[in-house]
Amino acid sequence: MKLNLQDTAFVFPGQGSQTVGMGKDLAAQYPIAKQTFDEADSILGFSLSAIMWDGPDTELNDTINTQPALFVHSLAAFRTFSHLYPNLMPASMAGHSLGELSALAAAGALSFEDGLRLVRKRGELMKHAGTLAPGGMAAILGLDIPALDQVCADASTSDEIVQVANDNCPGQVVISGAKPAVERAMAGAKAAGAKRALPLAVSIAAHSTLMASIQVEWDDAVNNASFLPPQIPVIGNVYAATLGDEAAARADIIAQMQSRVRWTESVTLMAAQGVNTFVELGTGTVLGGLIKRIADGVTSYPLGNPQDFLALE
């Protein structure tokens, strides 16, 4: 196999990577993957796999389906890898936003069922928050984090907050919050030298204080799930630090709802720890593209389809 697992990290994508047909070929080729999709359908009580494989994309793109779909495909890919290479484990893991739950499940901190139920609940609550407190998000290109933090502070008022939601990679940052504040921040970012400020087609202000309306319910859901110590180091989104035990994992998942995703710092940490290869388990290659803009000289591989597994041999 091409990979040296001692300097390899597994990473798990978040929302935006979904596509109709995701995981279908994997399930057709590998029985362990098919079992994973069947198990998910049984746990949820409806055919999520049918939405994933056949659409329509409007249904797949509903966050209550998107989030579990990405989780299930990622775990199906991880289980397939573990079946093919039973004694091989990566040096570390990380997931972007909801992908952190995928990473924790893969690392053994959460059962597949508890992880899936949490991800489904997360989608339901975030969608509900979008109706209770509609907000917006925007991608800001070409402005560094300190400058953008200042822009957001200047654009915020006591009633309308905007903040950095996703530090994806140098030059690509997402802001989130009340729509008027987001619009002010977009104008402020351009005035501060940003190359572009692009509104995203969402009504949910993820990773912002607008999620406060569902925070208590989310806390209860996380606290009622059974966590175990991760068997593989997982880098958390909130502090870009290793989640050393179940309490740290639980706390990070809770805090993540209103906190920024520190993806640049997470990848930088893994690279500093000797990781030079990143494998993106599940749907798409979004994270691989970001990682190459964060760390010099690294290699990334997708791992979500049968041909991806063949390419690793």
C-alpha atoms as a PDB file:
ATOM      1  CA  MET A   1       0.000   0.000   0.000  1.00  0.00           C
ATOM      2  CA  LYS A   2       1.183   3.529  -0.820  1.00  0.00           C
ATOM      3  CA  LEU A   3       0.513   5.004   2.606  1.00  0.00           C
ATOM      4  CA  ASN A   4       2.879   5.133   5.536  1.00  0.00           C
ATOM      5  CA  LEU A   5       0.297   5.392   8.302  1.00  0.00           C
ATOM      6  CA  GLN A   6       2.847   6.798  10.771  1.00  0.00           C
ATOM      7  CA  ASP A   7       2.836  10.108   8.895  1.00  0.00           C
ATOM      8  CA  THR A   8      -0.749  10.008   7.612  1.00  0.00           C
ATOM      9  CA  ALA A   9      -3.850  11.752   8.942  1.00  0.00           C
ATOM     10  CA  PHE A  10      -7.456  10.873   8.095  1.00  0.00           C
ATOM     11  CA  VAL A  11      -9.710  13.875   7.590  1.00  0.00           C
ATOM     12  CA  PHE A  12     -13.496  13.990   7.310  1.00  0.00           C
ATOM     13  CA  PRO A  13     -15.476  16.536   5.266  1.00  0.00           C
ATOM     14  CA  GLY A  14     -18.278  18.819   6.337  1.00  0.00           C
ATOM     15  CA  GLN A  15     -21.275  20.373   4.658  1.00  0.00           C
ATOM     16  CA  GLY A  16     -20.781  21.432   1.054  1.00  0.00           C
ATOM     17  CA  SER A  17     -19.118  18.204  -0.069  1.00  0.00           C
ATOM     18  CA  GLN A  18     -22.379  16.291  -0.617  1.00  0.00           C
ATOM     19  CA  THR A  19     -23.431  15.145  -4.085  1.00  0.00           C
ATOM     20  CA  VAL A  20     -26.166  12.855  -5.398  1.00  0.00           C
ATOM     21  CA  GLY A  21     -24.724   9.375  -5.868  1.00  0.00           C
ATOM     22  CA  MET A  22     -22.365   9.664  -2.905  1.00  0.00           C
ATOM     23  CA  GLY A  23     -21.310   6.238  -1.644  1.00  0.00           C
ATOM     24  CA  LYS A  24     -23.353   4.249  -4.170  1.00  0.00           C
ATOM     25  CA  ASP A  25     -20.385   2.679  -5.965  1.00  0.00           C
ATOM     26  CA  LEU A  26     -18.645   1.982  -2.654  1.00  0.00           C
ATOM     27  CA  ALA A  27     -21.699   0.081  -1.384  1.00  0.00           C
ATOM     28  CA  ALA A  28     -21.934  -1.881  -4.636  1.00  0.00           C
ATOM     29  CA  GLN A  29     -18.271  -2.948  -4.435  1.00  0.00           C
ATOM     30  CA  TYR A  30     -17.744  -3.611  -0.715  1.00  0.00           C
ATOM     31  CA  PRO A  31     -20.236  -5.521   1.492  1.00  0.00           C
ATOM     32  CA  ILE A  32     -18.946  -3.769   4.627  1.00  0.00           C
ATOM     33  CA  ALA A  33     -19.916  -0.412   3.084  1.00  0.00           C
ATOM     34  CA  LYS A  34     -23.342  -1.717   2.059  1.00  0.00           C
ATOM     35  CA  GLN A  35     -23.873  -2.939   5.626  1.00  0.00           C
ATOM     36  CA  THR A  36     -23.043   0.546   6.901  1.00  0.00           C
ATOM     37  CA  PHE A  37     -25.657   2.211   4.693  1.00  0.00           C
ATOM     38  CA  ASP A  38     -28.229  -0.446   5.618  1.00  0.00           C
ATOM     39  CA  GLU A  39     -27.456   0.066   9.316  1.00  0.00           C
ATOM     40  CA  ALA A  40     -27.933   3.820   8.948  1.00  0.00           C
ATOM     41  CA  ASP A  41     -31.290   3.364   7.218  1.00  0.00           C
ATOM     42  CA  SER A  42     -32.401   1.043  10.023  1.00  0.00           C
ATOM     43  CA  ILE A  43     -31.291   3.431  12.794  1.00  0.00           C
ATOM     44  CA  LEU A  44     -32.954   6.457  11.195  1.00  0.00           C
ATOM     45  CA  GLY A  45     -36.140   4.626  10.202  1.00  0.00           C
ATOM     46  CA  PHE A  46     -36.081   5.806   6.592  1.00  0.00           C
ATOM     47  CA  SER A  47     -33.925   5.257   3.517  1.00  0.00           C
ATOM     48  CA  LEU A  48     -31.237   7.901   3.784  1.00  0.00           C
ATOM     49  CA  SER A  49     -29.242   5.864   1.264  1.00  0.00           C
ATOM     50  CA  ALA A  50     -31.971   6.372  -1.350  1.00  0.00           C
ATOM     51  CA  ILE A  51     -31.697  10.156  -0.902  1.00  0.00           C
ATOM     52  CA  MET A  52     -27.902   9.937  -1.098  1.00  0.00           C
ATOM     53  CA  TRP A  53     -27.838   7.785  -4.185  1.00  0.00           C
ATOM     54  CA  ASP A  54     -30.870   8.974  -6.153  1.00  0.00           C
ATOM     55  CA  GLY A  55     -31.676  12.443  -4.815  1.00  0.00           C
ATOM     56  CA  PRO A  56     -33.348  14.733  -5.539  1.00  0.00           C
ATOM     57  CA  ASP A  57     -30.552  17.135  -4.702  1.00  0.00           C
ATOM     58  CA  THR A  58     -33.013  19.491  -2.984  1.00  0.00           C
ATOM     59  CA  GLU A  59     -33.687  16.758  -0.445  1.00  0.00           C
ATOM     60  CA  LEU A  60     -30.032  15.826  -0.055  1.00  0.00           C
ATOM     61  CA  ASN A  61     -29.098  19.491   0.405  1.00  0.00           C
ATOM     62  CA  ASP A  62     -31.569  19.899   3.280  1.00  0.00           C
ATOM     63  CA  THR A  63     -29.194  20.085   6.248  1.00  0.00           C
ATOM     64  CA  ILE A  64     -31.190  17.476   8.199  1.00  0.00           C
ATOM     65  CA  ASN A  65     -30.203  14.979   5.476  1.00  0.00           C
ATOM     66  CA  THR A  66     -26.870  16.457   4.391  1.00  0.00           C
ATOM     67  CA  GLN A  67     -25.224  16.058   7.760  1.00  0.00           C
ATOM     68  CA  PRO A  68     -26.059  12.360   8.341  1.00  0.00           C
ATOM     69  CA  ALA A  69     -25.338  11.600   4.665  1.00  0.00           C
ATOM     70  CA  LEU A  70     -21.789  12.905   4.946  1.00  0.00           C
ATOM     71  CA  PHE A  71     -21.285  11.088   8.250  1.00  0.00           C
ATOM     72  CA  VAL A  72     -22.499   7.754   6.853  1.00  0.00           C
ATOM     73  CA  HIS A  73     -20.380   7.941   3.694  1.00  0.00           C
ATOM     74  CA  SER A  74     -17.289   8.843   5.735  1.00  0.00           C
ATOM     75  CA  LEU A  75     -17.837   5.968   8.156  1.00  0.00           C
ATOM     76  CA  ALA A  76     -18.555   3.552   5.300  1.00  0.00           C
ATOM     77  CA  ALA A  77     -15.221   4.524   3.749  1.00  0.00           C
ATOM     78  CA  PHE A  78     -13.430   4.195   7.094  1.00  0.00           C
ATOM     79  CA  ARG A  79     -14.964   0.783   7.765  1.00  0.00           C
ATOM     80  CA  THR A  80     -13.978  -0.364   4.292  1.00  0.00           C
ATOM     81  CA  PHE A  81     -10.379   0.749   4.893  1.00  0.00           C
ATOM     82  CA  SER A  82     -10.341  -0.970   8.297  1.00  0.00           C
ATOM     83  CA  HIS A  83     -11.701  -4.160   6.715  1.00  0.00           C
ATOM     84  CA  LEU A  84      -9.060  -4.160   3.976  1.00  0.00           C
ATOM     85  CA  TYR A  85      -6.198  -3.123   6.298  1.00  0.00           C
ATOM     86  CA  PRO A  86      -7.285  -4.309   9.752  1.00  0.00           C
ATOM     87  CA  ASN A  87      -4.087  -3.469  11.626  1.00  0.00           C
ATOM     88  CA  LEU A  88      -3.383  -0.062  10.116  1.00  0.00           C
ATOM     89  CA  MET A  89      -4.385   3.153  11.869  1.00  0.00           C
ATOM     90  CA  PRO A  90      -3.417   6.748  10.997  1.00  0.00           C
ATOM     91  CA  ALA A  91      -1.303   8.987  13.203  1.00  0.00           C
ATOM     92  CA  SER A  92      -4.192  11.383  13.769  1.00  0.00           C
ATOM     93  CA  MET A  93      -7.657  12.434  12.610  1.00  0.00           C
ATOM     94  CA  ALA A  94      -9.635  15.631  12.204  1.00  0.00           C
ATOM     95  CA  GLY A  95     -12.968  16.638  10.734  1.00  0.00           C
ATOM     96  CA  HIS A  96     -14.277  19.924   9.394  1.00  0.00           C
ATOM     97  CA  SER A  97     -17.354  21.090  11.319  1.00  0.00           C
ATOM     98  CA  LEU A  98     -19.788  18.128  11.332  1.00  0.00           C
ATOM     99  CA  GLY A  99     -16.823  16.048  10.116  1.00  0.00           C
ATOM    100  CA  GLU A 100     -15.464  16.252  13.659  1.00  0.00           C
ATOM    101  CA  LEU A 101     -18.248  13.874  14.699  1.00  0.00           C
ATOM    102  CA  SER A 102     -17.235  11.527  11.873  1.00  0.00           C
ATOM    103  CA  ALA A 103     -13.631  11.654  13.111  1.00  0.00           C
ATOM    104  CA  LEU A 104     -14.665  10.916  16.689  1.00  0.00           C
ATOM    105  CA  ALA A 105     -16.777   7.949  15.580  1.00  0.00           C
ATOM    106  CA  ALA A 106     -13.928   6.600  13.457  1.00  0.00           C
ATOM    107  CA  ALA A 107     -11.576   7.033  16.425  1.00  0.00           C
ATOM    108  CA  GLY A 108     -13.870   4.978  18.650  1.00  0.00           C
ATOM    109  CA  ALA A 109     -15.021   7.867  20.849  1.00  0.00           C
ATOM    110  CA  LEU A 110     -18.614   7.430  19.656  1.00  0.00           C
ATOM    111  CA  SER A 111     -20.526   4.401  18.451  1.00  0.00           C
ATOM    112  CA  PHE A 112     -21.808   4.554  14.880  1.00  0.00           C
ATOM    113  CA  GLU A 113     -25.383   4.726  16.165  1.00  0.00           C
ATOM    114  CA  ASP A 114     -24.746   7.479  18.708  1.00  0.00           C
ATOM    115  CA  GLY A 115     -22.725   9.445  16.166  1.00  0.00           C
ATOM    116  CA  LEU A 116     -25.427   9.133  13.518  1.00  0.00           C
ATOM    117  CA  ARG A 117     -28.200  10.144  15.911  1.00  0.00           C
ATOM    118  CA  LEU A 118     -26.154  13.148  17.044  1.00  0.00           C
ATOM    119  CA  VAL A 119     -25.454  14.266  13.490  1.00  0.00           C
ATOM    120  CA  ARG A 120     -29.130  13.952  12.554  1.00  0.00           C
ATOM    121  CA  LYS A 121     -30.089  15.922  15.670  1.00  0.00           C
ATOM    122  CA  ARG A 122     -27.459  18.531  14.826  1.00  0.00           C
ATOM    123  CA  GLY A 123     -29.017  19.039  11.403  1.00  0.00           C
ATOM    124  CA  GLU A 124     -32.519  19.296  12.841  1.00  0.00           C
ATOM    125  CA  LEU A 125     -31.476  21.815  15.490  1.00  0.00           C
ATOM    126  CA  MET A 126     -29.440  23.958  13.107  1.00  0.00           C
ATOM    127  CA  LYS A 127     -32.346  24.055  10.668  1.00  0.00           C
ATOM    128  CA  HIS A 128     -34.646  25.064  13.533  1.00  0.00           C
ATOM    129  CA  ALA A 129     -32.199  27.784  14.582  1.00  0.00           C
ATOM    130  CA  GLY A 130     -32.375  29.130  11.049  1.00  0.00           C
ATOM    131  CA  THR A 131     -36.127  29.654  11.473  1.00  0.00           C
ATOM    132  CA  LEU A 132     -35.857  31.082  15.000  1.00  0.00           C
ATOM    133  CA  ALA A 133     -33.015  33.451  14.126  1.00  0.00           C
ATOM    134  CA  PRO A 134     -32.379  33.615  10.371  1.00  0.00           C
ATOM    135  CA  GLY A 135     -28.879  34.664   9.482  1.00  0.00           C
ATOM    136  CA  GLY A 136     -26.361  34.579   6.708  1.00  0.00           C
ATOM    137  CA  MET A 137     -22.837  33.546   5.824  1.00  0.00           C
ATOM    138  CA  ALA A 138     -20.285  34.868   3.350  1.00  0.00           C
ATOM    139  CA  ALA A 139     -16.942  33.746   1.974  1.00  0.00           C
ATOM    140  CA  ILE A 140     -14.178  36.327   2.229  1.00  0.00           C
ATOM    141  CA  LEU A 141     -11.196  35.825  -0.056  1.00  0.00           C
ATOM    142  CA  GLY A 142      -7.805  37.431   0.357  1.00  0.00           C
ATOM    143  CA  LEU A 143      -7.970  38.895   3.863  1.00  0.00           C
ATOM    144  CA  ASP A 144      -6.096  37.533   6.875  1.00  0.00           C
ATOM    145  CA  ILE A 145      -7.774  36.500  10.112  1.00  0.00           C
ATOM    146  CA  PRO A 146      -6.665  39.433  12.328  1.00  0.00           C
ATOM    147  CA  ALA A 147      -7.919  41.940   9.744  1.00  0.00           C
ATOM    148  CA  LEU A 148     -11.184  40.061   9.322  1.00  0.00           C
ATOM    149  CA  ASP A 149     -11.689  39.775  13.090  1.00  0.00           C
ATOM    150  CA  GLN A 150     -11.441  43.566  13.231  1.00  0.00           C
ATOM    151  CA  VAL A 151     -13.839  43.975  10.303  1.00  0.00           C
ATOM    152  CA  CYS A 152     -16.376  41.728  12.060  1.00  0.00           C
ATOM    153  CA  ALA A 153     -15.992  43.625  15.329  1.00  0.00           C
ATOM    154  CA  ASP A 154     -16.568  46.916  13.526  1.00  0.00           C
ATOM    155  CA  ALA A 155     -19.622  45.522  11.668  1.00  0.00           C
ATOM    156  CA  SER A 156     -21.257  44.057  14.783  1.00  0.00           C
ATOM    157  CA  THR A 157     -23.698  45.768  17.128  1.00  0.00           C
ATOM    158  CA  SER A 158     -25.180  44.557  20.391  1.00  0.00           C
ATOM    159  CA  ASP A 159     -28.157  43.152  18.484  1.00  0.00           C
ATOM    160  CA  GLU A 160     -26.459  42.111  15.252  1.00  0.00           C
ATOM    161  CA  ILE A 161     -23.309  40.021  15.559  1.00  0.00           C
ATOM    162  CA  VAL A 162     -21.041  38.730  12.788  1.00  0.00           C
ATOM    163  CA  GLN A 163     -17.959  36.589  13.386  1.00  0.00           C
ATOM    164  CA  VAL A 164     -15.421  34.359  11.691  1.00  0.00           C
ATOM    165  CA  ALA A 165     -17.048  30.937  11.336  1.00  0.00           C
ATOM    166  CA  ASN A 166     -14.584  28.882   9.268  1.00  0.00           C
ATOM    167  CA  ASP A 167     -10.854  29.560   8.976  1.00  0.00           C
ATOM    168  CA  ASN A 168     -10.595  27.221   5.993  1.00  0.00           C
ATOM    169  CA  CYS A 169      -7.146  28.100   4.677  1.00  0.00           C
ATOM    170  CA  PRO A 170      -5.039  31.212   4.152  1.00  0.00           C
ATOM    171  CA  GLY A 171      -7.070  33.558   1.974  1.00  0.00           C
ATOM    172  CA  GLN A 172     -10.368  31.703   2.332  1.00  0.00           C
ATOM    173  CA  VAL A 173     -12.468  32.462   5.387  1.00  0.00           C
ATOM    174  CA  VAL A 174     -16.222  32.246   6.031  1.00  0.00           C
ATOM    175  CA  ILE A 175     -18.048  34.731   8.239  1.00  0.00           C
ATOM    176  CA  SER A 176     -21.433  34.115   9.853  1.00  0.00           C
ATOM    177  CA  GLY A 177     -24.097  36.000  11.770  1.00  0.00           C
ATOM    178  CA  ALA A 178     -27.049  38.358  11.458  1.00  0.00           C
ATOM    179  CA  LYS A 179     -27.668  39.247   7.807  1.00  0.00           C
ATOM    180  CA  PRO A 180     -27.324  43.038   8.188  1.00  0.00           C
ATOM    181  CA  ALA A 181     -24.044  42.555  10.077  1.00  0.00           C
ATOM    182  CA  VAL A 182     -22.782  40.092   7.445  1.00  0.00           C
ATOM    183  CA  GLU A 183     -23.568  42.636   4.732  1.00  0.00           C
ATOM    184  CA  ARG A 184     -21.723  45.357   6.633  1.00  0.00           C
ATOM    185  CA  ALA A 185     -18.768  43.029   7.139  1.00  0.00           C
ATOM    186  CA  MET A 186     -18.678  42.155   3.434  1.00  0.00           C
ATOM    187  CA  ALA A 187     -18.431  45.857   2.589  1.00  0.00           C
ATOM    188  CA  GLY A 188     -15.859  46.364   5.332  1.00  0.00           C
ATOM    189  CA  ALA A 189     -13.793  43.409   4.111  1.00  0.00           C
ATOM    190  CA  LYS A 190     -13.664  44.831   0.601  1.00  0.00           C
ATOM    191  CA  ALA A 191     -12.647  48.215   1.979  1.00  0.00           C
ATOM    192  CA  ALA A 192      -9.890  46.477   3.968  1.00  0.00           C
ATOM    193  CA  GLY A 193      -8.474  44.864   0.850  1.00  0.00           C
ATOM    194  CA  ALA A 194     -10.337  41.570   0.422  1.00  0.00           C
ATOM    195  CA  LYS A 195     -10.288  40.289  -3.162  1.00  0.00           C
ATOM    196  CA  ARG A 196     -13.872  39.092  -3.009  1.00  0.00           C
ATOM    197  CA  ALA A 197     -16.787  38.866  -0.572  1.00  0.00           C
ATOM    198  CA  LEU A 198     -19.385  36.334  -1.659  1.00  0.00           C
ATOM    199  CA  PRO A 199     -22.711  35.717   0.118  1.00  0.00           C
ATOM    200  CA  LEU A 200     -23.509  32.022   0.584  1.00  0.00           C
ATOM    201  CA  ALA A 201     -26.932  30.615  -0.282  1.00  0.00           C
ATOM    202  CA  VAL A 202     -27.861  29.706   3.296  1.00  0.00           C
ATOM    203  CA  SER A 203     -30.271  30.989   5.936  1.00  0.00           C
ATOM    204  CA  ILE A 204     -28.396  29.279   8.779  1.00  0.00           C
ATOM    205  CA  ALA A 205     -25.638  31.231  10.521  1.00  0.00           C
ATOM    206  CA  ALA A 206     -23.522  28.224  11.478  1.00  0.00           C
ATOM    207  CA  HIS A 207     -20.730  28.581  14.041  1.00  0.00           C
ATOM    208  CA  SER A 208     -22.099  31.889  15.317  1.00  0.00           C
ATOM    209  CA  THR A 209     -24.018  33.233  18.288  1.00  0.00           C
ATOM    210  CA  LEU A 210     -27.252  32.825  16.295  1.00  0.00           C
ATOM    211  CA  MET A 211     -27.000  29.150  17.231  1.00  0.00           C
ATOM    212  CA  ALA A 212     -27.592  30.115  20.878  1.00  0.00           C
ATOM    213  CA  SER A 213     -31.308  29.455  20.438  1.00  0.00           C
ATOM    214  CA  ILE A 214     -30.704  25.694  20.184  1.00  0.00           C
ATOM    215  CA  GLN A 215     -27.550  25.415  22.305  1.00  0.00           C
ATOM    216  CA  VAL A 216     -29.287  23.953  25.379  1.00  0.00           C
ATOM    217  CA  GLU A 217     -30.983  21.236  23.323  1.00  0.00           C
ATOM    218  CA  TRP A 218     -27.673  20.437  21.619  1.00  0.00           C
ATOM    219  CA  ASP A 219     -25.881  20.272  24.973  1.00  0.00           C
ATOM    220  CA  ASP A 220     -28.494  17.798  26.218  1.00  0.00           C
ATOM    221  CA  ALA A 221     -28.136  15.632  23.113  1.00  0.00           C
ATOM    222  CA  VAL A 222     -24.346  15.517  23.417  1.00  0.00           C
ATOM    223  CA  ASN A 223     -24.425  14.899  27.155  1.00  0.00           C
ATOM    224  CA  ASN A 224     -26.885  12.024  26.710  1.00  0.00           C
ATOM    225  CA  ALA A 225     -24.646  10.276  24.166  1.00  0.00           C
ATOM    226  CA  SER A 226     -22.037   7.779  25.348  1.00  0.00           C
ATOM    227  CA  PHE A 227     -18.455   8.904  24.731  1.00  0.00           C
ATOM    228  CA  LEU A 228     -15.272   6.869  25.138  1.00  0.00           C
ATOM    229  CA  PRO A 229     -11.628   7.975  24.991  1.00  0.00           C
ATOM    230  CA  PRO A 230     -10.533   8.331  21.337  1.00  0.00           C
ATOM    231  CA  GLN A 231      -8.304   5.426  20.303  1.00  0.00           C
ATOM    232  CA  ILE A 232      -6.560   7.660  17.745  1.00  0.00           C
ATOM    233  CA  PRO A 233      -5.638  11.311  18.391  1.00  0.00           C
ATOM    234  CA  VAL A 234      -8.396  13.624  17.128  1.00  0.00           C
ATOM    235  CA  ILE A 235      -7.722  17.333  16.603  1.00  0.00           C
ATOM    236  CA  GLY A 236     -10.745  19.370  17.696  1.00  0.00           C
ATOM    237  CA  ASN A 237     -12.181  22.323  15.781  1.00  0.00           C
ATOM    238  CA  VAL A 238     -12.589  24.764  18.656  1.00  0.00           C
ATOM    239  CA  TYR A 239      -9.006  24.963  19.940  1.00  0.00           C
ATOM    240  CA  ALA A 240      -7.111  23.133  17.169  1.00  0.00           C
ATOM    241  CA  ALA A 241      -5.758  20.823  19.874  1.00  0.00           C
ATOM    242  CA  THR A 242      -5.816  17.084  20.533  1.00  0.00           C
ATOM    243  CA  LEU A 243      -8.951  15.847  22.305  1.00  0.00           C
ATOM    244  CA  GLY A 244      -7.319  13.745  24.978  1.00  0.00           C
ATOM    245  CA  ASP A 245     -10.332  12.089  26.567  1.00  0.00           C
ATOM    246  CA  GLU A 246     -14.101  11.741  26.322  1.00  0.00           C
ATOM    247  CA  ALA A 247     -14.715  14.900  28.362  1.00  0.00           C
ATOM    248  CA  ALA A 248     -12.605  16.963  25.966  1.00  0.00           C
ATOM    249  CA  ALA A 249     -14.379  15.442  22.965  1.00  0.00           C
ATOM    250  CA  ARG A 250     -17.803  16.165  24.432  1.00  0.00           C
ATOM    251  CA  ALA A 251     -16.840  19.747  25.348  1.00  0.00           C
ATOM    252  CA  ASP A 252     -15.465  20.464  21.873  1.00  0.00           C
ATOM    253  CA  ILE A 253     -18.592  19.183  20.127  1.00  0.00           C
ATOM    254  CA  ILE A 254     -20.739  21.333  22.414  1.00  0.00           C
ATOM    255  CA  ALA A 255     -18.640  24.500  22.019  1.00  0.00           C
ATOM    256  CA  GLN A 256     -18.288  24.018  18.269  1.00  0.00           C
ATOM    257  CA  MET A 257     -21.902  25.057  17.681  1.00  0.00           C
ATOM    258  CA  GLN A 258     -21.090  28.753  18.257  1.00  0.00           C
ATOM    259  CA  SER A 259     -17.314  28.704  17.701  1.00  0.00           C
ATOM    260  CA  ARG A 260     -15.113  29.020  14.648  1.00  0.00           C
ATOM    261  CA  VAL A 261     -13.720  25.995  12.847  1.00  0.00           C
ATOM    262  CA  ARG A 262      -9.954  26.396  13.185  1.00  0.00           C
ATOM    263  CA  TRP A 263      -9.095  24.279  10.175  1.00  0.00           C
ATOM    264  CA  THR A 264      -5.926  26.129   9.176  1.00  0.00           C
ATOM    265  CA  GLU A 265      -4.519  25.746  12.683  1.00  0.00           C
ATOM    266  CA  SER A 266      -5.613  22.092  12.888  1.00  0.00           C
ATOM    267  CA  VAL A 267      -3.798  21.154   9.682  1.00  0.00           C
ATOM    268  CA  THR A 268      -0.766  23.207  10.704  1.00  0.00           C
ATOM    269  CA  LEU A 269      -0.626  21.283  13.992  1.00  0.00           C
ATOM    270  CA  MET A 270      -0.817  17.896  12.284  1.00  0.00           C
ATOM    271  CA  ALA A 271       1.911  18.907   9.828  1.00  0.00           C
ATOM    272  CA  ALA A 272       4.094  20.063  12.732  1.00  0.00           C
ATOM    273  CA  GLN A 273       3.581  16.635  14.306  1.00  0.00           C
ATOM    274  CA  GLY A 274       5.069  14.991  11.215  1.00  0.00           C
ATOM    275  CA  VAL A 275       1.992  14.331   9.092  1.00  0.00           C
ATOM    276  CA  ASN A 276       2.746  14.738   5.385  1.00  0.00           C
ATOM    277  CA  THR A 277      -0.132  12.743   3.879  1.00  0.00           C
ATOM    278  CA  PHE A 278      -3.836  13.473   4.325  1.00  0.00           C
ATOM    279  CA  VAL A 279      -6.581  11.037   3.334  1.00  0.00           C
ATOM    280  CA  GLU A 280     -10.071  12.506   2.909  1.00  0.00           C
ATOM    281  CA  LEU A 281     -12.620   9.839   3.801  1.00  0.00           C
ATOM    282  CA  GLY A 282     -16.088  10.162   2.320  1.00  0.00           C
ATOM    283  CA  THR A 283     -17.402  12.590  -0.245  1.00  0.00           C
ATOM    284  CA  GLY A 284     -15.375  14.925  -2.428  1.00  0.00           C
ATOM    285  CA  THR A 285     -11.958  16.564  -2.314  1.00  0.00           C
ATOM    286  CA  VAL A 286     -12.744  19.910  -0.680  1.00  0.00           C
ATOM    287  CA  LEU A 287     -10.470  19.356   2.312  1.00  0.00           C
ATOM    288  CA  GLY A 288      -7.601  18.124   0.165  1.00  0.00           C
ATOM    289  CA  GLY A 289      -7.678  21.383  -1.743  1.00  0.00           C
ATOM    290  CA  LEU A 290      -7.651  23.425   1.449  1.00  0.00           C
ATOM    291  CA  ILE A 291      -4.860  21.362   3.006  1.00  0.00           C
ATOM    292  CA  LYS A 292      -2.527  21.938   0.060  1.00  0.00           C
ATOM    293  CA  ARG A 293      -2.965  25.688   0.585  1.00  0.00           C
ATOM    294  CA  ILE A 294      -2.138  25.350   4.298  1.00  0.00           C
ATOM    295  CA  ALA A 295       0.865  23.016   4.454  1.00  0.00           C
ATOM    296  CA  ASP A 296       3.731  22.879   1.980  1.00  0.00           C
ATOM    297  CA  GLY A 297       4.829  19.619   0.414  1.00  0.00           C
ATOM    298  CA  VAL A 298       1.929  17.475   1.600  1.00  0.00           C
ATOM    299  CA  THR A 299       0.070  14.825  -0.372  1.00  0.00           C
ATOM    300  CA  SER A 300      -3.670  14.275  -0.243  1.00  0.00           C
ATOM    301  CA  TYR A 301      -5.806  11.375  -1.384  1.00  0.00           C
ATOM    302  CA  PRO A 302      -9.587  11.039  -1.616  1.00  0.00           C
ATOM    303  CA  LEU A 303     -11.059   7.835  -0.208  1.00  0.00           C
ATOM    304  CA  GLY A 304     -14.745   7.507  -0.958  1.00  0.00           C
ATOM    305  CA  ASN A 305     -15.082   5.397  -4.111  1.00  0.00           C
ATOM    306  CA  PRO A 306     -13.778   1.979  -5.198  1.00  0.00           C
ATOM    307  CA  GLN A 307     -11.243   3.552  -7.570  1.00  0.00           C
ATOM    308  CA  ASP A 308      -9.815   5.544  -4.649  1.00  0.00           C
ATOM    309  CA  PHE A 309      -9.100   2.300  -2.787  1.00  0.00           C
ATOM    310  CA  LEU A 310      -7.477   0.782  -5.880  1.00  0.00           C
ATOM    311  CA  ALA A 311      -5.270   3.871  -6.194  1.00  0.00           C
ATOM    312  CA  LEU A 312      -3.851   3.251  -2.705  1.00  0.00           C
ATOM    313  CA  GLU A 313      -2.681  -0.277  -3.450  1.00  0.00           C
END
